[in-house]
Amino acid sequence: MLGACREGRRELEGSHWLTYVIAEPCVGVKDNSCVEVCPVDCIHSDDASDMFYIDPDECIDCGVCAEVCPVEAIFFEDDLPERWSKFLGINSEYFQNR
């Protein structure tokens, strides 16, 4: 449901809430489908990055991005596969350094 917030968000690094996380399948692919459908424009990147990142302060947990991702790289944080758990920190660091 658009705009519905998930219960029980975790705070990371004291200031960022994690919602959806983009993981390794996006690296090097950087398909723009998720950016195009995001209703709040919370998915960002830059020329130096080889993937997209979801701003946890802007994300409304609608999940539309995950539905359209052609490489299935977007996960709700609690559903993120263990092998890609490092992307929780990678995503958070991207926005802390902006």
PDB file of N, CA and C in Angstrom:
ATOM      1  N   MET A   1       0.858  -1.178   0.000  1.00  0.00           N
ATOM      2  CA  MET A   1       0.000   0.000   0.000  1.00  0.00           C
ATOM      3  C   MET A   1       0.900   1.235   0.000  1.00  0.00           C
ATOM      4  N   LEU A   2       0.671   2.112  -0.941  1.00  0.00           N
ATOM      5  CA  LEU A   2       1.478   3.311  -1.087  1.00  0.00           C
ATOM      6  C   LEU A   2       1.361   4.187   0.149  1.00  0.00           C
ATOM      7  N   GLY A   3       2.519   4.562   0.675  1.00  0.00           N
ATOM      8  CA  GLY A   3       2.538   5.452   1.822  1.00  0.00           C
ATOM      9  C   GLY A   3       2.434   4.760   3.172  1.00  0.00           C
ATOM     10  N   ALA A   4       2.155   3.484   3.160  1.00  0.00           N
ATOM     11  CA  ALA A   4       2.052   2.772   4.426  1.00  0.00           C
ATOM     12  C   ALA A   4       3.449   2.499   4.960  1.00  0.00           C
ATOM     13  N   CYS A   5       3.671   2.790   6.209  1.00  0.00           N
ATOM     14  CA  CYS A   5       4.979   2.571   6.809  1.00  0.00           C
ATOM     15  C   CYS A   5       5.004   1.215   7.487  1.00  0.00           C
ATOM     16  N   ARG A   6       6.119   0.549   7.392  1.00  0.00           N
ATOM     17  CA  ARG A   6       6.296  -0.722   8.068  1.00  0.00           C
ATOM     18  C   ARG A   6       6.530  -0.467   9.550  1.00  0.00           C
ATOM     19  N   GLU A   7       6.001  -1.352  10.364  1.00  0.00           N
ATOM     20  CA  GLU A   7       6.221  -1.261  11.808  1.00  0.00           C
ATOM     21  C   GLU A   7       7.625  -1.766  12.129  1.00  0.00           C
ATOM     22  N   GLY A   8       8.203  -1.259  13.188  1.00  0.00           N
ATOM     23  CA  GLY A   8       9.445  -1.795  13.709  1.00  0.00           C
ATOM     24  C   GLY A   8      10.693  -1.454  12.918  1.00  0.00           C
ATOM     25  N   ARG A   9      10.753  -0.293  12.331  1.00  0.00           N
ATOM     26  CA  ARG A   9      11.984   0.117  11.648  1.00  0.00           C
ATOM     27  C   ARG A   9      13.127   0.144  12.642  1.00  0.00           C
ATOM     28  N   ARG A  10      14.317  -0.172  12.166  1.00  0.00           N
ATOM     29  CA  ARG A  10      15.505  -0.100  13.012  1.00  0.00           C
ATOM     30  C   ARG A  10      16.282   1.150  12.679  1.00  0.00           C
ATOM     31  N   GLU A  11      16.860   1.746  13.679  1.00  0.00           N
ATOM     32  CA  GLU A  11      17.699   2.913  13.471  1.00  0.00           C
ATOM     33  C   GLU A  11      19.136   2.432  13.277  1.00  0.00           C
ATOM     34  N   LEU A  12      19.826   2.993  12.287  1.00  0.00           N
ATOM     35  CA  LEU A  12      21.208   2.627  12.017  1.00  0.00           C
ATOM     36  C   LEU A  12      22.076   3.860  12.135  1.00  0.00           C
ATOM     37  N   GLU A  13      23.198   3.717  12.771  1.00  0.00           N
ATOM     38  CA  GLU A  13      24.159   4.811  12.921  1.00  0.00           C
ATOM     39  C   GLU A  13      23.545   6.022  13.617  1.00  0.00           C
ATOM     40  N   GLY A  14      22.494   5.810  14.385  1.00  0.00           N
ATOM     41  CA  GLY A  14      21.930   6.876  15.189  1.00  0.00           C
ATOM     42  C   GLY A  14      21.075   7.887  14.459  1.00  0.00           C
ATOM     43  N   SER A  15      21.061   7.893  13.121  1.00  0.00           N
ATOM     44  CA  SER A  15      20.287   8.938  12.465  1.00  0.00           C
ATOM     45  C   SER A  15      19.522   8.479  11.235  1.00  0.00           C
ATOM     46  N   HIS A  16      19.797   7.314  10.720  1.00  0.00           N
ATOM     47  CA  HIS A  16      19.123   6.874   9.510  1.00  0.00           C
ATOM     48  C   HIS A  16      18.238   5.669   9.789  1.00  0.00           C
ATOM     49  N   TRP A  17      17.029   5.721   9.248  1.00  0.00           N
ATOM     50  CA  TRP A  17      16.123   4.589   9.325  1.00  0.00           C
ATOM     51  C   TRP A  17      16.278   3.810   8.045  1.00  0.00           C
ATOM     52  N   LEU A  18      16.399   2.514   8.169  1.00  0.00           N
ATOM     53  CA  LEU A  18      16.497   1.699   6.972  1.00  0.00           C
ATOM     54  C   LEU A  18      15.133   1.153   6.612  1.00  0.00           C
ATOM     55  N   THR A  19      14.860   1.140   5.368  1.00  0.00           N
ATOM     56  CA  THR A  19      13.604   0.646   4.848  1.00  0.00           C
ATOM     57  C   THR A  19      13.943  -0.386   3.789  1.00  0.00           C
ATOM     58  N   TYR A  20      13.894   0.010   2.555  1.00  0.00           N
ATOM     59  CA  TYR A  20      14.328  -0.872   1.480  1.00  0.00           C
ATOM     60  C   TYR A  20      15.800  -0.621   1.213  1.00  0.00           C
ATOM     61  N   VAL A  21      16.502  -1.674   0.808  1.00  0.00           N
ATOM     62  CA  VAL A  21      17.935  -1.625   0.578  1.00  0.00           C
ATOM     63  C   VAL A  21      18.225  -2.214  -0.791  1.00  0.00           C
ATOM     64  N   ILE A  22      19.100  -1.571  -1.525  1.00  0.00           N
ATOM     65  CA  ILE A  22      19.529  -2.096  -2.818  1.00  0.00           C
ATOM     66  C   ILE A  22      20.824  -2.867  -2.586  1.00  0.00           C
ATOM     67  N   ALA A  23      20.871  -4.090  -3.111  1.00  0.00           N
ATOM     68  CA  ALA A  23      21.995  -4.984  -2.855  1.00  0.00           C
ATOM     69  C   ALA A  23      22.809  -5.274  -4.120  1.00  0.00           C
ATOM     70  N   GLU A  24      23.701  -6.223  -4.005  1.00  0.00           N
ATOM     71  CA  GLU A  24      24.701  -6.526  -5.017  1.00  0.00           C
ATOM     72  C   GLU A  24      24.202  -6.727  -6.451  1.00  0.00           C
ATOM     73  N   PRO A  25      23.033  -7.314  -6.682  1.00  0.00           N
ATOM     74  CA  PRO A  25      22.624  -7.485  -8.078  1.00  0.00           C
ATOM     75  C   PRO A  25      22.546  -6.184  -8.881  1.00  0.00           C
ATOM     76  N   CYS A  26      22.440  -5.046  -8.200  1.00  0.00           N
ATOM     77  CA  CYS A  26      22.393  -3.750  -8.889  1.00  0.00           C
ATOM     78  C   CYS A  26      23.772  -3.289  -9.338  1.00  0.00           C
ATOM     79  N   VAL A  27      24.809  -3.741  -8.646  1.00  0.00           N
ATOM     80  CA  VAL A  27      26.173  -3.284  -8.927  1.00  0.00           C
ATOM     81  C   VAL A  27      26.534  -3.582 -10.382  1.00  0.00           C
ATOM     82  N   GLY A  28      26.891  -2.520 -11.097  1.00  0.00           N
ATOM     83  CA  GLY A  28      27.271  -2.649 -12.493  1.00  0.00           C
ATOM     84  C   GLY A  28      26.107  -2.655 -13.466  1.00  0.00           C
ATOM     85  N   VAL A  29      24.895  -2.848 -12.965  1.00  0.00           N
ATOM     86  CA  VAL A  29      23.709  -2.876 -13.829  1.00  0.00           C
ATOM     87  C   VAL A  29      23.077  -1.491 -13.876  1.00  0.00           C
ATOM     88  N   LYS A  30      22.761  -0.983 -12.676  1.00  0.00           N
ATOM     89  CA  LYS A  30      22.225   0.365 -12.507  1.00  0.00           C
ATOM     90  C   LYS A  30      21.072   0.660 -13.465  1.00  0.00           C
ATOM     91  N   ASP A  31      20.109  -0.274 -13.516  1.00  0.00           N
ATOM     92  CA  ASP A  31      18.904  -0.081 -14.317  1.00  0.00           C
ATOM     93  C   ASP A  31      18.054   1.003 -13.662  1.00  0.00           C
ATOM     94  N   ASN A  32      17.509   1.892 -14.438  1.00  0.00           N
ATOM     95  CA  ASN A  32      16.802   3.076 -13.955  1.00  0.00           C
ATOM     96  C   ASN A  32      15.320   2.834 -13.636  1.00  0.00           C
ATOM     97  N   SER A  33      14.836   1.617 -13.777  1.00  0.00           N
ATOM     98  CA  SER A  33      13.411   1.330 -13.570  1.00  0.00           C
ATOM     99  C   SER A  33      12.924   1.748 -12.188  1.00  0.00           C
ATOM    100  N   CYS A  34      13.715   1.497 -11.171  1.00  0.00           N
ATOM    101  CA  CYS A  34      13.301   1.828  -9.805  1.00  0.00           C
ATOM    102  C   CYS A  34      13.179   3.334  -9.609  1.00  0.00           C
ATOM    103  N   VAL A  35      14.087   4.071 -10.192  1.00  0.00           N
ATOM    104  CA  VAL A  35      14.069   5.529 -10.077  1.00  0.00           C
ATOM    105  C   VAL A  35      12.816   6.096 -10.735  1.00  0.00           C
ATOM    106  N   GLU A  36      12.470   5.545 -11.878  1.00  0.00           N
ATOM    107  CA  GLU A  36      11.327   6.051 -12.637  1.00  0.00           C
ATOM    108  C   GLU A  36       9.998   5.866 -11.918  1.00  0.00           C
ATOM    109  N   VAL A  37       9.852   4.813 -11.105  1.00  0.00           N
ATOM    110  CA  VAL A  37       8.568   4.551 -10.449  1.00  0.00           C
ATOM    111  C   VAL A  37       8.477   5.069  -9.023  1.00  0.00           C
ATOM    112  N   CYS A  38       9.581   5.493  -8.450  1.00  0.00           N
ATOM    113  CA  CYS A  38       9.564   5.938  -7.055  1.00  0.00           C
ATOM    114  C   CYS A  38       8.702   7.193  -6.907  1.00  0.00           C
ATOM    115  N   PRO A  39       7.645   7.123  -6.075  1.00  0.00           N
ATOM    116  CA  PRO A  39       6.749   8.279  -5.940  1.00  0.00           C
ATOM    117  C   PRO A  39       7.333   9.444  -5.142  1.00  0.00           C
ATOM    118  N   VAL A  40       8.422   9.212  -4.407  1.00  0.00           N
ATOM    119  CA  VAL A  40       9.005  10.275  -3.591  1.00  0.00           C
ATOM    120  C   VAL A  40      10.447  10.597  -3.985  1.00  0.00           C
ATOM    121  N   ASP A  41      10.904  10.078  -5.082  1.00  0.00           N
ATOM    122  CA  ASP A  41      12.261  10.339  -5.589  1.00  0.00           C
ATOM    123  C   ASP A  41      13.333  10.116  -4.527  1.00  0.00           C
ATOM    124  N   CYS A  42      13.287   8.958  -3.874  1.00  0.00           N
ATOM    125  CA  CYS A  42      14.252   8.677  -2.803  1.00  0.00           C
ATOM    126  C   CYS A  42      15.408   7.795  -3.252  1.00  0.00           C
ATOM    127  N   ILE A  43      15.465   7.433  -4.528  1.00  0.00           N
ATOM    128  CA  ILE A  43      16.536   6.579  -5.035  1.00  0.00           C
ATOM    129  C   ILE A  43      17.548   7.444  -5.759  1.00  0.00           C
ATOM    130  N   HIS A  44      18.804   7.368  -5.299  1.00  0.00           N
ATOM    131  CA  HIS A  44      19.831   8.271  -5.788  1.00  0.00           C
ATOM    132  C   HIS A  44      21.089   7.513  -6.202  1.00  0.00           C
ATOM    133  N   SER A  45      21.913   8.215  -6.946  1.00  0.00           N
ATOM    134  CA  SER A  45      23.231   7.733  -7.318  1.00  0.00           C
ATOM    135  C   SER A  45      24.025   8.921  -7.834  1.00  0.00           C
ATOM    136  N   ASP A  46      25.240   8.666  -8.256  1.00  0.00           N
ATOM    137  CA  ASP A  46      26.051   9.698  -8.890  1.00  0.00           C
ATOM    138  C   ASP A  46      26.936   9.014  -9.917  1.00  0.00           C
ATOM    139  N   ASP A  47      27.646   9.794 -10.682  1.00  0.00           N
ATOM    140  CA  ASP A  47      28.463   9.237 -11.755  1.00  0.00           C
ATOM    141  C   ASP A  47      29.560   8.310 -11.239  1.00  0.00           C
ATOM    142  N   ALA A  48      30.036   8.541 -10.038  1.00  0.00           N
ATOM    143  CA  ALA A  48      31.109   7.720  -9.487  1.00  0.00           C
ATOM    144  C   ALA A  48      30.622   6.384  -8.921  1.00  0.00           C
ATOM    145  N   SER A  49      29.326   6.261  -8.698  1.00  0.00           N
ATOM    146  CA  SER A  49      28.763   5.047  -8.097  1.00  0.00           C
ATOM    147  C   SER A  49      28.335   4.058  -9.167  1.00  0.00           C
ATOM    148  N   ASP A  50      28.501   2.787  -8.855  1.00  0.00           N
ATOM    149  CA  ASP A  50      28.108   1.757  -9.810  1.00  0.00           C
ATOM    150  C   ASP A  50      26.780   1.096  -9.452  1.00  0.00           C
ATOM    151  N   MET A  51      26.011   1.757  -8.569  1.00  0.00           N
ATOM    152  CA  MET A  51      24.692   1.256  -8.182  1.00  0.00           C
ATOM    153  C   MET A  51      23.834   2.413  -7.679  1.00  0.00           C
ATOM    154  N   PHE A  52      22.565   2.111  -7.395  1.00  0.00           N
ATOM    155  CA  PHE A  52      21.643   3.080  -6.809  1.00  0.00           C
ATOM    156  C   PHE A  52      21.548   2.842  -5.308  1.00  0.00           C
ATOM    157  N   TYR A  53      21.057   3.859  -4.590  1.00  0.00           N
ATOM    158  CA  TYR A  53      20.904   3.807  -3.141  1.00  0.00           C
ATOM    159  C   TYR A  53      19.557   4.412  -2.779  1.00  0.00           C
ATOM    160  N   ILE A  54      18.904   3.840  -1.775  1.00  0.00           N
ATOM    161  CA  ILE A  54      17.614   4.342  -1.305  1.00  0.00           C
ATOM    162  C   ILE A  54      17.838   5.163  -0.044  1.00  0.00           C
ATOM    163  N   ASP A  55      17.395   6.414  -0.082  1.00  0.00           N
ATOM    164  CA  ASP A  55      17.535   7.292   1.078  1.00  0.00           C
ATOM    165  C   ASP A  55      16.519   6.863   2.136  1.00  0.00           C
ATOM    166  N   PRO A  56      17.007   6.350   3.275  1.00  0.00           N
ATOM    167  CA  PRO A  56      16.095   5.850   4.298  1.00  0.00           C
ATOM    168  C   PRO A  56      15.259   6.937   4.954  1.00  0.00           C
ATOM    169  N   ASP A  57      15.705   8.189   4.864  1.00  0.00           N
ATOM    170  CA  ASP A  57      14.929   9.286   5.439  1.00  0.00           C
ATOM    171  C   ASP A  57      13.787   9.721   4.525  1.00  0.00           C
ATOM    172  N   GLU A  58      13.875   9.386   3.251  1.00  0.00           N
ATOM    173  CA  GLU A  58      12.857   9.796   2.283  1.00  0.00           C
ATOM    174  C   GLU A  58      11.908   8.665   1.902  1.00  0.00           C
ATOM    175  N   CYS A  59      12.373   7.427   2.000  1.00  0.00           N
ATOM    176  CA  CYS A  59      11.586   6.270   1.567  1.00  0.00           C
ATOM    177  C   CYS A  59      10.313   6.130   2.401  1.00  0.00           C
ATOM    178  N   ILE A  60       9.199   5.847   1.732  1.00  0.00           N
ATOM    179  CA  ILE A  60       7.921   5.675   2.422  1.00  0.00           C
ATOM    180  C   ILE A  60       7.508   4.206   2.508  1.00  0.00           C
ATOM    181  N   ASP A  61       8.426   3.301   2.168  1.00  0.00           N
ATOM    182  CA  ASP A  61       8.184   1.857   2.277  1.00  0.00           C
ATOM    183  C   ASP A  61       7.059   1.353   1.386  1.00  0.00           C
ATOM    184  N   CYS A  62       6.877   1.955   0.233  1.00  0.00           N
ATOM    185  CA  CYS A  62       5.779   1.517  -0.637  1.00  0.00           C
ATOM    186  C   CYS A  62       6.113   0.222  -1.378  1.00  0.00           C
ATOM    187  N   GLY A  63       7.401  -0.039  -1.630  1.00  0.00           N
ATOM    188  CA  GLY A  63       7.810  -1.277  -2.277  1.00  0.00           C
ATOM    189  C   GLY A  63       7.690  -1.312  -3.783  1.00  0.00           C
ATOM    190  N   VAL A  64       7.273  -0.229  -4.396  1.00  0.00           N
ATOM    191  CA  VAL A  64       7.101  -0.199  -5.847  1.00  0.00           C
ATOM    192  C   VAL A  64       8.435  -0.455  -6.549  1.00  0.00           C
ATOM    193  N   CYS A  65       9.509   0.075  -6.007  1.00  0.00           N
ATOM    194  CA  CYS A  65      10.835  -0.104  -6.617  1.00  0.00           C
ATOM    195  C   CYS A  65      11.215  -1.580  -6.680  1.00  0.00           C
ATOM    196  N   ALA A  66      10.944  -2.305  -5.612  1.00  0.00           N
ATOM    197  CA  ALA A  66      11.287  -3.730  -5.565  1.00  0.00           C
ATOM    198  C   ALA A  66      10.497  -4.521  -6.602  1.00  0.00           C
ATOM    199  N   GLU A  67       9.268  -4.109  -6.835  1.00  0.00           N
ATOM    200  CA  GLU A  67       8.418  -4.808  -7.800  1.00  0.00           C
ATOM    201  C   GLU A  67       8.924  -4.686  -9.229  1.00  0.00           C
ATOM    202  N   VAL A  68       9.556  -3.575  -9.569  1.00  0.00           N
ATOM    203  CA  VAL A  68       9.984  -3.349 -10.958  1.00  0.00           C
ATOM    204  C   VAL A  68      11.455  -3.640 -11.205  1.00  0.00           C
ATOM    205  N   CYS A  69      12.226  -3.904 -10.181  1.00  0.00           N
ATOM    206  CA  CYS A  69      13.667  -4.123 -10.351  1.00  0.00           C
ATOM    207  C   CYS A  69      13.912  -5.375 -11.202  1.00  0.00           C
ATOM    208  N   PRO A  70      14.532  -5.212 -12.378  1.00  0.00           N
ATOM    209  CA  PRO A  70      14.720  -6.355 -13.275  1.00  0.00           C
ATOM    210  C   PRO A  70      15.752  -7.368 -12.783  1.00  0.00           C
ATOM    211  N   VAL A  71      16.602  -6.978 -11.841  1.00  0.00           N
ATOM    212  CA  VAL A  71      17.616  -7.908 -11.329  1.00  0.00           C
ATOM    213  C   VAL A  71      17.329  -8.334  -9.888  1.00  0.00           C
ATOM    214  N   GLU A  72      16.157  -7.973  -9.370  1.00  0.00           N
ATOM    215  CA  GLU A  72      15.719  -8.333  -8.022  1.00  0.00           C
ATOM    216  C   GLU A  72      16.771  -7.989  -6.973  1.00  0.00           C
ATOM    217  N   ALA A  73      17.195  -6.729  -6.994  1.00  0.00           N
ATOM    218  CA  ALA A  73      18.247  -6.252  -6.093  1.00  0.00           C
ATOM    219  C   ALA A  73      17.712  -5.485  -4.892  1.00  0.00           C
ATOM    220  N   ILE A  74      16.400  -5.265  -4.814  1.00  0.00           N
ATOM    221  CA  ILE A  74      15.841  -4.410  -3.770  1.00  0.00           C
ATOM    222  C   ILE A  74      15.062  -5.261  -2.770  1.00  0.00           C
ATOM    223  N   PHE A  75      15.427  -5.119  -1.503  1.00  0.00           N
ATOM    224  CA  PHE A  75      14.841  -5.914  -0.432  1.00  0.00           C
ATOM    225  C   PHE A  75      14.455  -5.019   0.730  1.00  0.00           C
ATOM    226  N   PHE A  76      13.363  -5.374   1.418  1.00  0.00           N
ATOM    227  CA  PHE A  76      13.100  -4.729   2.687  1.00  0.00           C
ATOM    228  C   PHE A  76      14.211  -5.203   3.611  1.00  0.00           C
ATOM    229  N   GLU A  77      14.692  -4.340   4.483  1.00  0.00           N
ATOM    230  CA  GLU A  77      15.874  -4.658   5.285  1.00  0.00           C
ATOM    231  C   GLU A  77      15.771  -5.987   6.015  1.00  0.00           C
ATOM    232  N   ASP A  78      14.613  -6.339   6.525  1.00  0.00           N
ATOM    233  CA  ASP A  78      14.462  -7.596   7.256  1.00  0.00           C
ATOM    234  C   ASP A  78      14.493  -8.815   6.334  1.00  0.00           C
ATOM    235  N   ASP A  79      14.316  -8.592   5.046  1.00  0.00           N
ATOM    236  CA  ASP A  79      14.324  -9.686   4.071  1.00  0.00           C
ATOM    237  C   ASP A  79      15.615  -9.759   3.275  1.00  0.00           C
ATOM    238  N   LEU A  80      16.558  -8.896   3.584  1.00  0.00           N
ATOM    239  CA  LEU A  80      17.825  -8.863   2.869  1.00  0.00           C
ATOM    240  C   LEU A  80      18.585 -10.164   3.123  1.00  0.00           C
ATOM    241  N   PRO A  81      18.966 -10.885   2.055  1.00  0.00           N
ATOM    242  CA  PRO A  81      19.724 -12.123   2.249  1.00  0.00           C
ATOM    243  C   PRO A  81      21.020 -11.868   3.008  1.00  0.00           C
ATOM    244  N   GLU A  82      21.373 -12.775   3.879  1.00  0.00           N
ATOM    245  CA  GLU A  82      22.564 -12.642   4.723  1.00  0.00           C
ATOM    246  C   GLU A  82      23.816 -12.360   3.895  1.00  0.00           C
ATOM    247  N   ARG A  83      23.927 -12.984   2.728  1.00  0.00           N
ATOM    248  CA  ARG A  83      25.133 -12.802   1.909  1.00  0.00           C
ATOM    249  C   ARG A  83      25.311 -11.359   1.442  1.00  0.00           C
ATOM    250  N   TRP A  84      24.229 -10.560   1.502  1.00  0.00           N
ATOM    251  CA  TRP A  84      24.300  -9.164   1.091  1.00  0.00           C
ATOM    252  C   TRP A  84      24.080  -8.204   2.255  1.00  0.00           C
ATOM    253  N   SER A  85      24.255  -8.683   3.467  1.00  0.00           N
ATOM    254  CA  SER A  85      23.995  -7.852   4.642  1.00  0.00           C
ATOM    255  C   SER A  85      24.895  -6.616   4.693  1.00  0.00           C
ATOM    256  N   LYS A  86      26.068  -6.671   4.083  1.00  0.00           N
ATOM    257  CA  LYS A  86      26.968  -5.514   4.097  1.00  0.00           C
ATOM    258  C   LYS A  86      26.361  -4.306   3.388  1.00  0.00           C
ATOM    259  N   PHE A  87      25.353  -4.531   2.547  1.00  0.00           N
ATOM    260  CA  PHE A  87      24.733  -3.427   1.824  1.00  0.00           C
ATOM    261  C   PHE A  87      23.878  -2.541   2.724  1.00  0.00           C
ATOM    262  N   LEU A  88      23.528  -3.003   3.916  1.00  0.00           N
ATOM    263  CA  LEU A  88      22.870  -2.123   4.890  1.00  0.00           C
ATOM    264  C   LEU A  88      23.805  -0.967   5.219  1.00  0.00           C
ATOM    265  N   GLY A  89      25.047  -1.287   5.524  1.00  0.00           N
ATOM    266  CA  GLY A  89      26.041  -0.269   5.848  1.00  0.00           C
ATOM    267  C   GLY A  89      26.445   0.556   4.646  1.00  0.00           C
ATOM    268  N   ILE A  90      26.588  -0.088   3.496  1.00  0.00           N
ATOM    269  CA  ILE A  90      26.969   0.625   2.270  1.00  0.00           C
ATOM    270  C   ILE A  90      25.930   1.678   1.926  1.00  0.00           C
ATOM    271  N   ASN A  91      24.650   1.306   2.026  1.00  0.00           N
ATOM    272  CA  ASN A  91      23.581   2.254   1.731  1.00  0.00           C
ATOM    273  C   ASN A  91      23.588   3.420   2.717  1.00  0.00           C
ATOM    274  N   SER A  92      23.738   3.113   3.994  1.00  0.00           N
ATOM    275  CA  SER A  92      23.743   4.151   5.016  1.00  0.00           C
ATOM    276  C   SER A  92      24.926   5.094   4.840  1.00  0.00           C
ATOM    277  N   GLU A  93      26.099   4.542   4.560  1.00  0.00           N
ATOM    278  CA  GLU A  93      27.299   5.361   4.370  1.00  0.00           C
ATOM    279  C   GLU A  93      27.161   6.318   3.191  1.00  0.00           C
ATOM    280  N   TYR A  94      26.497   5.869   2.143  1.00  0.00           N
ATOM    281  CA  TYR A  94      26.323   6.732   0.975  1.00  0.00           C
ATOM    282  C   TYR A  94      25.634   8.035   1.364  1.00  0.00           C
ATOM    283  N   PHE A  95      24.605   7.938   2.184  1.00  0.00           N
ATOM    284  CA  PHE A  95      23.852   9.139   2.560  1.00  0.00           C
ATOM    285  C   PHE A  95      24.510   9.925   3.686  1.00  0.00           C
ATOM    286  N   GLN A  96      25.286   9.277   4.508  1.00  0.00           N
ATOM    287  CA  GLN A  96      26.008  10.001   5.555  1.00  0.00           C
ATOM    288  C   GLN A  96      27.111  10.861   4.952  1.00  0.00           C
ATOM    289  N   ASN A  97      27.638  10.428   3.831  1.00  0.00           N
ATOM    290  CA  ASN A  97      28.741  11.142   3.186  1.00  0.00           C
ATOM    291  C   ASN A  97      28.282  12.187   2.162  1.00  0.00           C
ATOM    292  N   ARG A  98      26.997  12.356   1.982  1.00  0.00           N
ATOM    293  CA  ARG A  98      26.466  13.308   0.997  1.00  0.00           C
ATOM    294  C   ARG A  98      26.331  14.681   1.597  1.00  0.00           C
TER     295      ARG A  98
END
